[in-house]
Structure formats: C-alpha cells, structure tokens
C-alpha cells in the first residue's frame, strides 16, 4: 500500500512542476464519453489538482485526483509529452 502512495507522490511531483503551464486534457467520463480540452494547470493540492478551462467564453475549472492519472482515467499532455506517467519496474 505504501508503494501506491509513493507512485501518487511521484505523479503529484510531476504535476507540481507544471503548474501554470498550458496542458491538453483527455478525460474518460464513463459510458463512452471522452472530454478533450486545453487548459492551464492552475493548482495542485495534497489529493487533487485543478485545471482551468477557457472554452468559447465559458470559463470553468475541473478537478481530478492523482489516482485518476494513475488509472489513466485522465491523460495530461504538454506538447507531445505525456505528464504523470510512472515507469513500472
């Protein structure tokens, strides 16, 4: 169980270094619904991170957990580089 905590801490560390940068977001919302958007990684918290989306004059914020990144429910990219990926041994 502590191994999982270390992986989540690594993901948080990766995202901490990207705060304020423009990212591409792809989130699986269930029932074959996938949301793709661009936004700014606004802030990281101990258990969640917040992405600021400005989509056609509709400003909104979405939040996800680091476990969402771990389970690939949410994919984050800066340019062509995927962030939050953890190498498995």
PDB file of N, CA and C in Angstrom:
ATOM      1  N   UNK A   1       0.825  -1.193   0.000  1.00  0.00           N
ATOM      2  CA  UNK A   1       0.000   0.000   0.000  1.00  0.00           C
ATOM      3  C   UNK A   1       0.866   1.252   0.000  1.00  0.00           C
ATOM      4  N   UNK A   2       2.006   1.213   0.696  1.00  0.00           N
ATOM      5  CA  UNK A   2       2.869   2.393   0.692  1.00  0.00           C
ATOM      6  C   UNK A   2       3.485   2.606  -0.687  1.00  0.00           C
ATOM      7  N   UNK A   3       3.643   1.522  -1.454  1.00  0.00           N
ATOM      8  CA  UNK A   3       4.149   1.649  -2.823  1.00  0.00           C
ATOM      9  C   UNK A   3       3.211   2.532  -3.641  1.00  0.00           C
ATOM     10  N   UNK A   4       1.909   2.341  -3.478  1.00  0.00           N
ATOM     11  CA  UNK A   4       0.941   3.159  -4.208  1.00  0.00           C
ATOM     12  C   UNK A   4       1.069   4.619  -3.793  1.00  0.00           C
ATOM     13  N   UNK A   5       1.253   4.880  -2.522  1.00  0.00           N
ATOM     14  CA  UNK A   5       1.413   6.252  -2.057  1.00  0.00           C
ATOM     15  C   UNK A   5       2.639   6.896  -2.705  1.00  0.00           C
ATOM     16  N   UNK A   6       3.719   6.140  -2.859  1.00  0.00           N
ATOM     17  CA  UNK A   6       4.915   6.684  -3.495  1.00  0.00           C
ATOM     18  C   UNK A   6       4.648   7.029  -4.953  1.00  0.00           C
ATOM     19  N   UNK A   7       3.893   6.194  -5.638  1.00  0.00           N
ATOM     20  CA  UNK A   7       3.556   6.455  -7.038  1.00  0.00           C
ATOM     21  C   UNK A   7       2.705   7.713  -7.134  1.00  0.00           C
ATOM     22  N   UNK A   8       1.723   7.847  -6.259  1.00  0.00           N
ATOM     23  CA  UNK A   8       0.882   9.043  -6.273  1.00  0.00           C
ATOM     24  C   UNK A   8       1.705  10.284  -5.947  1.00  0.00           C
ATOM     25  N   UNK A   9       2.676  10.158  -5.055  1.00  0.00           N
ATOM     26  CA  UNK A   9       3.553  11.286  -4.727  1.00  0.00           C
ATOM     27  C   UNK A   9       4.404  11.677  -5.930  1.00  0.00           C
ATOM     28  N   UNK A  10       4.851  10.684  -6.707  1.00  0.00           N
ATOM     29  CA  UNK A  10       5.622  10.971  -7.925  1.00  0.00           C
ATOM     30  C   UNK A  10       4.762  11.725  -8.939  1.00  0.00           C
ATOM     31  N   UNK A  11       3.522  11.307  -9.094  1.00  0.00           N
ATOM     32  CA  UNK A  11       2.613  11.984 -10.025  1.00  0.00           C
ATOM     33  C   UNK A  11       2.392  13.422  -9.575  1.00  0.00           C
ATOM     34  N   UNK A  12       2.168  13.625  -8.278  1.00  0.00           N
ATOM     35  CA  UNK A  12       1.968  14.975  -7.753  1.00  0.00           C
ATOM     36  C   UNK A  12       3.207  15.830  -7.995  1.00  0.00           C
ATOM     37  N   UNK A  13       4.386  15.250  -7.785  1.00  0.00           N
ATOM     38  CA  UNK A  13       5.642  15.977  -8.001  1.00  0.00           C
ATOM     39  C   UNK A  13       5.769  16.404  -9.470  1.00  0.00           C
ATOM     40  N   UNK A  14       5.421  15.501 -10.385  1.00  0.00           N
ATOM     41  CA  UNK A  14       5.443  15.838 -11.817  1.00  0.00           C
ATOM     42  C   UNK A  14       4.503  16.999 -12.117  1.00  0.00           C
ATOM     43  N   UNK A  15       3.308  16.947 -11.554  1.00  0.00           N
ATOM     44  CA  UNK A  15       2.325  17.993 -11.815  1.00  0.00           C
ATOM     45  C   UNK A  15       2.701  19.304 -11.133  1.00  0.00           C
ATOM     46  N   UNK A  16       3.336  19.230  -9.958  1.00  0.00           N
ATOM     47  CA  UNK A  16       3.782  20.451  -9.271  1.00  0.00           C
ATOM     48  C   UNK A  16       4.707  21.274 -10.165  1.00  0.00           C
ATOM     49  N   UNK A  17       5.546  20.586 -10.931  1.00  0.00           N
ATOM     50  CA  UNK A  17       6.492  21.297 -11.793  1.00  0.00           C
ATOM     51  C   UNK A  17       5.816  21.896 -13.029  1.00  0.00           C
ATOM     52  N   UNK A  18       4.564  21.546 -13.271  1.00  0.00           N
ATOM     53  CA  UNK A  18       3.848  22.028 -14.458  1.00  0.00           C
ATOM     54  C   UNK A  18       2.777  23.063 -14.132  1.00  0.00           C
ATOM     55  N   UNK A  19       2.686  23.488 -12.889  1.00  0.00           N
ATOM     56  CA  UNK A  19       1.665  24.469 -12.503  1.00  0.00           C
ATOM     57  C   UNK A  19       1.870  25.753 -13.303  1.00  0.00           C
ATOM     58  N   UNK A  20       0.789  26.262 -13.884  1.00  0.00           N
ATOM     59  CA  UNK A  20       0.843  27.478 -14.679  1.00  0.00           C
ATOM     60  C   UNK A  20       1.082  27.236 -16.158  1.00  0.00           C
ATOM     61  N   UNK A  21       1.341  26.006 -16.541  1.00  0.00           N
ATOM     62  CA  UNK A  21       1.597  25.685 -17.947  1.00  0.00           C
ATOM     63  C   UNK A  21       0.316  25.238 -18.640  1.00  0.00           C
ATOM     64  N   UNK A  22       0.302  25.448 -19.955  1.00  0.00           N
ATOM     65  CA  UNK A  22      -0.836  25.033 -20.769  1.00  0.00           C
ATOM     66  C   UNK A  22      -0.736  23.528 -21.004  1.00  0.00           C
ATOM     67  N   UNK A  23      -1.839  22.829 -20.785  1.00  0.00           N
ATOM     68  CA  UNK A  23      -1.859  21.381 -20.952  1.00  0.00           C
ATOM     69  C   UNK A  23      -3.050  20.956 -21.794  1.00  0.00           C
ATOM     70  N   UNK A  24      -2.919  19.771 -22.374  1.00  0.00           N
ATOM     71  CA  UNK A  24      -4.036  19.132 -23.064  1.00  0.00           C
ATOM     72  C   UNK A  24      -4.562  18.056 -22.126  1.00  0.00           C
ATOM     73  N   UNK A  25      -5.866  17.985 -22.032  1.00  0.00           N
ATOM     74  CA  UNK A  25      -6.529  17.095 -21.095  1.00  0.00           C
ATOM     75  C   UNK A  25      -7.446  16.158 -21.856  1.00  0.00           C
ATOM     76  N   UNK A  26      -7.385  14.893 -21.519  1.00  0.00           N
ATOM     77  CA  UNK A  26      -8.307  13.902 -22.088  1.00  0.00           C
ATOM     78  C   UNK A  26      -8.833  13.089 -20.914  1.00  0.00           C
ATOM     79  N   UNK A  27     -10.130  13.176 -20.673  1.00  0.00           N
ATOM     80  CA  UNK A  27     -10.723  12.516 -19.514  1.00  0.00           C
ATOM     81  C   UNK A  27     -11.853  11.592 -19.934  1.00  0.00           C
ATOM     82  N   UNK A  28     -11.817  10.386 -19.429  1.00  0.00           N
ATOM     83  CA  UNK A  28     -12.879   9.415 -19.655  1.00  0.00           C
ATOM     84  C   UNK A  28     -13.981   9.704 -18.647  1.00  0.00           C
ATOM     85  N   UNK A  29     -15.157  10.046 -19.130  1.00  0.00           N
ATOM     86  CA  UNK A  29     -16.263  10.414 -18.248  1.00  0.00           C
ATOM     87  C   UNK A  29     -17.290   9.291 -18.118  1.00  0.00           C
ATOM     88  N   UNK A  30     -16.958   8.118 -18.605  1.00  0.00           N
ATOM     89  CA  UNK A  30     -17.858   6.973 -18.484  1.00  0.00           C
ATOM     90  C   UNK A  30     -18.827   6.896 -19.646  1.00  0.00           C
ATOM     91  N   UNK A  31     -19.394   5.705 -19.824  1.00  0.00           N
ATOM     92  CA  UNK A  31     -20.360   5.471 -20.903  1.00  0.00           C
ATOM     93  C   UNK A  31     -19.887   5.986 -22.254  1.00  0.00           C
ATOM     94  N   UNK A  32     -18.645   5.711 -22.540  1.00  0.00           N
ATOM     95  CA  UNK A  32     -18.025   6.072 -23.821  1.00  0.00           C
ATOM     96  C   UNK A  32     -17.974   7.572 -24.080  1.00  0.00           C
ATOM     97  N   UNK A  33     -18.035   8.354 -23.044  1.00  0.00           N
ATOM     98  CA  UNK A  33     -17.910   9.804 -23.186  1.00  0.00           C
ATOM     99  C   UNK A  33     -16.485  10.204 -22.820  1.00  0.00           C
ATOM    100  N   UNK A  34     -15.832  10.878 -23.740  1.00  0.00           N
ATOM    101  CA  UNK A  34     -14.470  11.338 -23.502  1.00  0.00           C
ATOM    102  C   UNK A  34     -14.434  12.842 -23.711  1.00  0.00           C
ATOM    103  N   UNK A  35     -13.904  13.553 -22.723  1.00  0.00           N
ATOM    104  CA  UNK A  35     -13.773  15.004 -22.833  1.00  0.00           C
ATOM    105  C   UNK A  35     -12.329  15.329 -23.199  1.00  0.00           C
ATOM    106  N   UNK A  36     -12.148  16.093 -24.261  1.00  0.00           N
ATOM    107  CA  UNK A  36     -10.826  16.576 -24.640  1.00  0.00           C
ATOM    108  C   UNK A  36     -10.859  18.089 -24.588  1.00  0.00           C
ATOM    109  N   UNK A  37      -9.875  18.676 -23.919  1.00  0.00           N
ATOM    110  CA  UNK A  37      -9.849  20.127 -23.767  1.00  0.00           C
ATOM    111  C   UNK A  37      -8.418  20.588 -23.540  1.00  0.00           C
ATOM    112  N   UNK A  38      -8.220  21.890 -23.701  1.00  0.00           N
ATOM    113  CA  UNK A  38      -6.946  22.518 -23.372  1.00  0.00           C
ATOM    114  C   UNK A  38      -7.190  23.494 -22.245  1.00  0.00           C
ATOM    115  N   UNK A  39      -6.240  23.582 -21.363  1.00  0.00           N
ATOM    116  CA  UNK A  39      -6.382  24.488 -20.235  1.00  0.00           C
ATOM    117  C   UNK A  39      -5.047  24.733 -19.570  1.00  0.00           C
ATOM    118  N   UNK A  40      -5.103  25.332 -18.409  1.00  0.00           N
ATOM    119  CA  UNK A  40      -3.903  25.645 -17.642  1.00  0.00           C
ATOM    120  C   UNK A  40      -3.983  24.895 -16.324  1.00  0.00           C
ATOM    121  N   UNK A  41      -2.907  24.197 -15.993  1.00  0.00           N
ATOM    122  CA  UNK A  41      -2.844  23.533 -14.698  1.00  0.00           C
ATOM    123  C   UNK A  41      -2.732  24.625 -13.649  1.00  0.00           C
ATOM    124  N   UNK A  42      -3.827  24.864 -12.964  1.00  0.00           N
ATOM    125  CA  UNK A  42      -3.929  26.026 -12.084  1.00  0.00           C
ATOM    126  C   UNK A  42      -3.279  25.805 -10.724  1.00  0.00           C
ATOM    127  N   UNK A  43      -3.553  24.658 -10.115  1.00  0.00           N
ATOM    128  CA  UNK A  43      -3.042  24.454  -8.767  1.00  0.00           C
ATOM    129  C   UNK A  43      -3.067  22.976  -8.409  1.00  0.00           C
ATOM    130  N   UNK A  44      -2.129  22.575  -7.563  1.00  0.00           N
ATOM    131  CA  UNK A  44      -2.142  21.216  -7.035  1.00  0.00           C
ATOM    132  C   UNK A  44      -2.394  21.270  -5.534  1.00  0.00           C
ATOM    133  N   UNK A  45      -3.127  20.301  -5.060  1.00  0.00           N
ATOM    134  CA  UNK A  45      -3.429  20.152  -3.641  1.00  0.00           C
ATOM    135  C   UNK A  45      -2.946  18.770  -3.214  1.00  0.00           C
ATOM    136  N   UNK A  46      -2.987  18.457  -1.921  1.00  0.00           N
ATOM    137  CA  UNK A  46      -2.487  17.145  -1.483  1.00  0.00           C
ATOM    138  C   UNK A  46      -3.149  15.946  -2.173  1.00  0.00           C
ATOM    139  N   UNK A  47      -4.433  16.031  -2.494  1.00  0.00           N
ATOM    140  CA  UNK A  47      -5.120  14.883  -3.088  1.00  0.00           C
ATOM    141  C   UNK A  47      -5.700  15.130  -4.472  1.00  0.00           C
ATOM    142  N   UNK A  48      -5.787  16.375  -4.909  1.00  0.00           N
ATOM    143  CA  UNK A  48      -6.379  16.701  -6.205  1.00  0.00           C
ATOM    144  C   UNK A  48      -5.571  17.801  -6.893  1.00  0.00           C
ATOM    145  N   UNK A  49      -5.833  17.963  -8.197  1.00  0.00           N
ATOM    146  CA  UNK A  49      -5.277  19.091  -8.939  1.00  0.00           C
ATOM    147  C   UNK A  49      -6.406  19.741  -9.724  1.00  0.00           C
ATOM    148  N   UNK A  50      -6.230  21.030 -10.032  1.00  0.00           N
ATOM    149  CA  UNK A  50      -7.281  21.814 -10.680  1.00  0.00           C
ATOM    150  C   UNK A  50      -6.774  22.320 -12.027  1.00  0.00           C
ATOM    151  N   UNK A  51      -7.602  22.153 -13.054  1.00  0.00           N
ATOM    152  CA  UNK A  51      -7.285  22.643 -14.397  1.00  0.00           C
ATOM    153  C   UNK A  51      -8.303  23.715 -14.755  1.00  0.00           C
ATOM    154  N   UNK A  52      -7.804  24.860 -15.202  1.00  0.00           N
ATOM    155  CA  UNK A  52      -8.633  25.998 -15.609  1.00  0.00           C
ATOM    156  C   UNK A  52      -8.876  25.882 -17.105  1.00  0.00           C
ATOM    157  N   UNK A  53     -10.142  25.772 -17.488  1.00  0.00           N
ATOM    158  CA  UNK A  53     -10.514  25.653 -18.898  1.00  0.00           C
ATOM    159  C   UNK A  53     -11.202  26.930 -19.357  1.00  0.00           C
ATOM    160  N   UNK A  54     -10.787  27.466 -20.493  1.00  0.00           N
ATOM    161  CA  UNK A  54     -11.450  28.623 -21.086  1.00  0.00           C
ATOM    162  C   UNK A  54     -11.930  28.180 -22.459  1.00  0.00           C
ATOM    163  N   UNK A  55     -13.167  27.753 -22.511  1.00  0.00           N
ATOM    164  CA  UNK A  55     -13.701  27.157 -23.728  1.00  0.00           C
ATOM    165  C   UNK A  55     -14.835  28.008 -24.263  1.00  0.00           C
ATOM    166  N   UNK A  56     -14.579  28.732 -25.327  1.00  0.00           N
ATOM    167  CA  UNK A  56     -15.586  29.553 -26.003  1.00  0.00           C
ATOM    168  C   UNK A  56     -16.349  30.436 -25.014  1.00  0.00           C
ATOM    169  N   UNK A  57     -15.603  31.235 -24.295  1.00  0.00           N
ATOM    170  CA  UNK A  57     -16.145  32.199 -23.334  1.00  0.00           C
ATOM    171  C   UNK A  57     -16.869  31.561 -22.148  1.00  0.00           C
ATOM    172  N   UNK A  58     -16.769  30.271 -21.989  1.00  0.00           N
ATOM    173  CA  UNK A  58     -17.348  29.600 -20.820  1.00  0.00           C
ATOM    174  C   UNK A  58     -16.189  29.160 -19.928  1.00  0.00           C
ATOM    175  N   UNK A  59     -15.909  29.951 -18.923  1.00  0.00           N
ATOM    176  CA  UNK A  59     -14.788  29.660 -18.040  1.00  0.00           C
ATOM    177  C   UNK A  59     -15.238  28.654 -16.989  1.00  0.00           C
ATOM    178  N   UNK A  60     -14.445  27.608 -16.814  1.00  0.00           N
ATOM    179  CA  UNK A  60     -14.752  26.652 -15.761  1.00  0.00           C
ATOM    180  C   UNK A  60     -13.487  25.959 -15.291  1.00  0.00           C
ATOM    181  N   UNK A  61     -13.588  25.391 -14.136  1.00  0.00           N
ATOM    182  CA  UNK A  61     -12.475  24.652 -13.562  1.00  0.00           C
ATOM    183  C   UNK A  61     -12.919  23.209 -13.348  1.00  0.00           C
ATOM    184  N   UNK A  62     -12.001  22.294 -13.596  1.00  0.00           N
ATOM    185  CA  UNK A  62     -12.272  20.889 -13.320  1.00  0.00           C
ATOM    186  C   UNK A  62     -11.173  20.375 -12.401  1.00  0.00           C
ATOM    187  N   UNK A  63     -11.522  19.440 -11.558  1.00  0.00           N
ATOM    188  CA  UNK A  63     -10.524  18.869 -10.658  1.00  0.00           C
ATOM    189  C   UNK A  63     -10.531  17.352 -10.789  1.00  0.00           C
ATOM    190  N   UNK A  64      -9.360  16.779 -10.621  1.00  0.00           N
ATOM    191  CA  UNK A  64      -9.182  15.336 -10.700  1.00  0.00           C
ATOM    192  C   UNK A  64      -8.218  14.911  -9.606  1.00  0.00           C
ATOM    193  N   UNK A  65      -8.251  13.636  -9.269  1.00  0.00           N
ATOM    194  CA  UNK A  65      -7.320  13.103  -8.280  1.00  0.00           C
ATOM    195  C   UNK A  65      -6.089  12.554  -8.992  1.00  0.00           C
ATOM    196  N   UNK A  66      -5.021  12.380  -8.238  1.00  0.00           N
ATOM    197  CA  UNK A  66      -3.811  11.790  -8.803  1.00  0.00           C
ATOM    198  C   UNK A  66      -4.051  10.328  -9.155  1.00  0.00           C
ATOM    199  N   UNK A  67      -4.985   9.685  -8.459  1.00  0.00           N
ATOM    200  CA  UNK A  67      -5.352   8.303  -8.786  1.00  0.00           C
ATOM    201  C   UNK A  67      -6.001   8.231 -10.169  1.00  0.00           C
ATOM    202  N   UNK A  68      -6.698   9.289 -10.585  1.00  0.00           N
ATOM    203  CA  UNK A  68      -7.275   9.334 -11.936  1.00  0.00           C
ATOM    204  C   UNK A  68      -6.175   9.278 -12.989  1.00  0.00           C
ATOM    205  N   UNK A  69      -5.058   9.922 -12.717  1.00  0.00           N
ATOM    206  CA  UNK A  69      -3.923   9.890 -13.643  1.00  0.00           C
ATOM    207  C   UNK A  69      -3.290   8.500 -13.613  1.00  0.00           C
ATOM    208  N   UNK A  70      -3.149   7.936 -12.419  1.00  0.00           N
ATOM    209  CA  UNK A  70      -2.551   6.608 -12.263  1.00  0.00           C
ATOM    210  C   UNK A  70      -3.346   5.546 -13.008  1.00  0.00           C
ATOM    211  N   UNK A  71      -4.668   5.608 -12.927  1.00  0.00           N
ATOM    212  CA  UNK A  71      -5.527   4.615 -13.581  1.00  0.00           C
ATOM    213  C   UNK A  71      -5.826   4.963 -15.033  1.00  0.00           C
ATOM    214  N   UNK A  72      -5.234   6.056 -15.512  1.00  0.00           N
ATOM    215  CA  UNK A  72      -5.385   6.528 -16.890  1.00  0.00           C
ATOM    216  C   UNK A  72      -6.818   6.917 -17.228  1.00  0.00           C
ATOM    217  N   UNK A  73      -7.593   7.286 -16.223  1.00  0.00           N
ATOM    218  CA  UNK A  73      -8.909   7.872 -16.457  1.00  0.00           C
ATOM    219  C   UNK A  73      -8.729   9.273 -17.020  1.00  0.00           C
ATOM    220  N   UNK A  74      -7.622   9.915 -16.631  1.00  0.00           N
ATOM    221  CA  UNK A  74      -7.266  11.249 -17.112  1.00  0.00           C
ATOM    222  C   UNK A  74      -5.865  11.179 -17.701  1.00  0.00           C
ATOM    223  N   UNK A  75      -5.691  11.742 -18.895  1.00  0.00           N
ATOM    224  CA  UNK A  75      -4.376  11.836 -19.524  1.00  0.00           C
ATOM    225  C   UNK A  75      -4.046  13.308 -19.701  1.00  0.00           C
ATOM    226  N   UNK A  76      -2.829  13.682 -19.327  1.00  0.00           N
ATOM    227  CA  UNK A  76      -2.376  15.066 -19.425  1.00  0.00           C
ATOM    228  C   UNK A  76      -1.159  15.130 -20.330  1.00  0.00           C
ATOM    229  N   UNK A  77      -1.141  16.125 -21.223  1.00  0.00           N
ATOM    230  CA  UNK A  77      -0.018  16.289 -22.150  1.00  0.00           C
ATOM    231  C   UNK A  77       0.407  17.750 -22.193  1.00  0.00           C
ATOM    232  N   UNK A  78       1.718  17.950 -22.260  1.00  0.00           N
ATOM    233  CA  UNK A  78       2.278  19.267 -22.564  1.00  0.00           C
ATOM    234  C   UNK A  78       3.009  19.082 -23.882  1.00  0.00           C
ATOM    235  N   UNK A  79       2.486  19.694 -24.928  1.00  0.00           N
ATOM    236  CA  UNK A  79       3.034  19.450 -26.262  1.00  0.00           C
ATOM    237  C   UNK A  79       2.798  17.990 -26.622  1.00  0.00           C
ATOM    238  N   UNK A  80       3.880  17.273 -26.927  1.00  0.00           N
ATOM    239  CA  UNK A  80       3.776  15.849 -27.235  1.00  0.00           C
ATOM    240  C   UNK A  80       4.217  14.978 -26.069  1.00  0.00           C
ATOM    241  N   UNK A  81       4.486  15.592 -24.933  1.00  0.00           N
ATOM    242  CA  UNK A  81       4.982  14.862 -23.771  1.00  0.00           C
ATOM    243  C   UNK A  81       3.849  14.591 -22.791  1.00  0.00           C
ATOM    244  N   UNK A  82       3.653  13.343 -22.490  1.00  0.00           N
ATOM    245  CA  UNK A  82       2.620  12.970 -21.518  1.00  0.00           C
ATOM    246  C   UNK A  82       3.193  13.123 -20.114  1.00  0.00           C
ATOM    247  N   UNK A  83       2.466  13.810 -19.263  1.00  0.00           N
ATOM    248  CA  UNK A  83       2.944  14.022 -17.902  1.00  0.00           C
ATOM    249  C   UNK A  83       2.154  13.152 -16.933  1.00  0.00           C
ATOM    250  N   UNK A  84       2.789  12.822 -15.820  1.00  0.00           N
ATOM    251  CA  UNK A  84       2.144  11.989 -14.823  1.00  0.00           C
ATOM    252  C   UNK A  84       2.294  10.507 -15.087  1.00  0.00           C
ATOM    253  N   UNK A  85       3.094  10.136 -16.075  1.00  0.00           N
ATOM    254  CA  UNK A  85       3.326   8.724 -16.360  1.00  0.00           C
ATOM    255  C   UNK A  85       4.354   8.191 -15.374  1.00  0.00           C
ATOM    256  N   UNK A  86       4.104   7.006 -14.878  1.00  0.00           N
ATOM    257  CA  UNK A  86       5.018   6.380 -13.931  1.00  0.00           C
ATOM    258  C   UNK A  86       5.561   5.117 -14.566  1.00  0.00           C
ATOM    259  N   UNK A  87       6.883   4.977 -14.520  1.00  0.00           N
ATOM    260  CA  UNK A  87       7.506   3.783 -15.083  1.00  0.00           C
ATOM    261  C   UNK A  87       7.310   2.615 -14.134  1.00  0.00           C
ATOM    262  N   UNK A  88       6.965   1.459 -14.698  1.00  0.00           N
ATOM    263  CA  UNK A  88       6.832   0.259 -13.882  1.00  0.00           C
ATOM    264  C   UNK A  88       8.095  -0.566 -14.016  1.00  0.00           C
ATOM    265  N   UNK A  89       8.457  -1.210 -12.944  1.00  0.00           N
ATOM    266  CA  UNK A  89       9.712  -1.969 -12.932  1.00  0.00           C
ATOM    267  C   UNK A  89       9.592  -3.277 -13.654  1.00  0.00           C
TER     268      UNK A  89
END
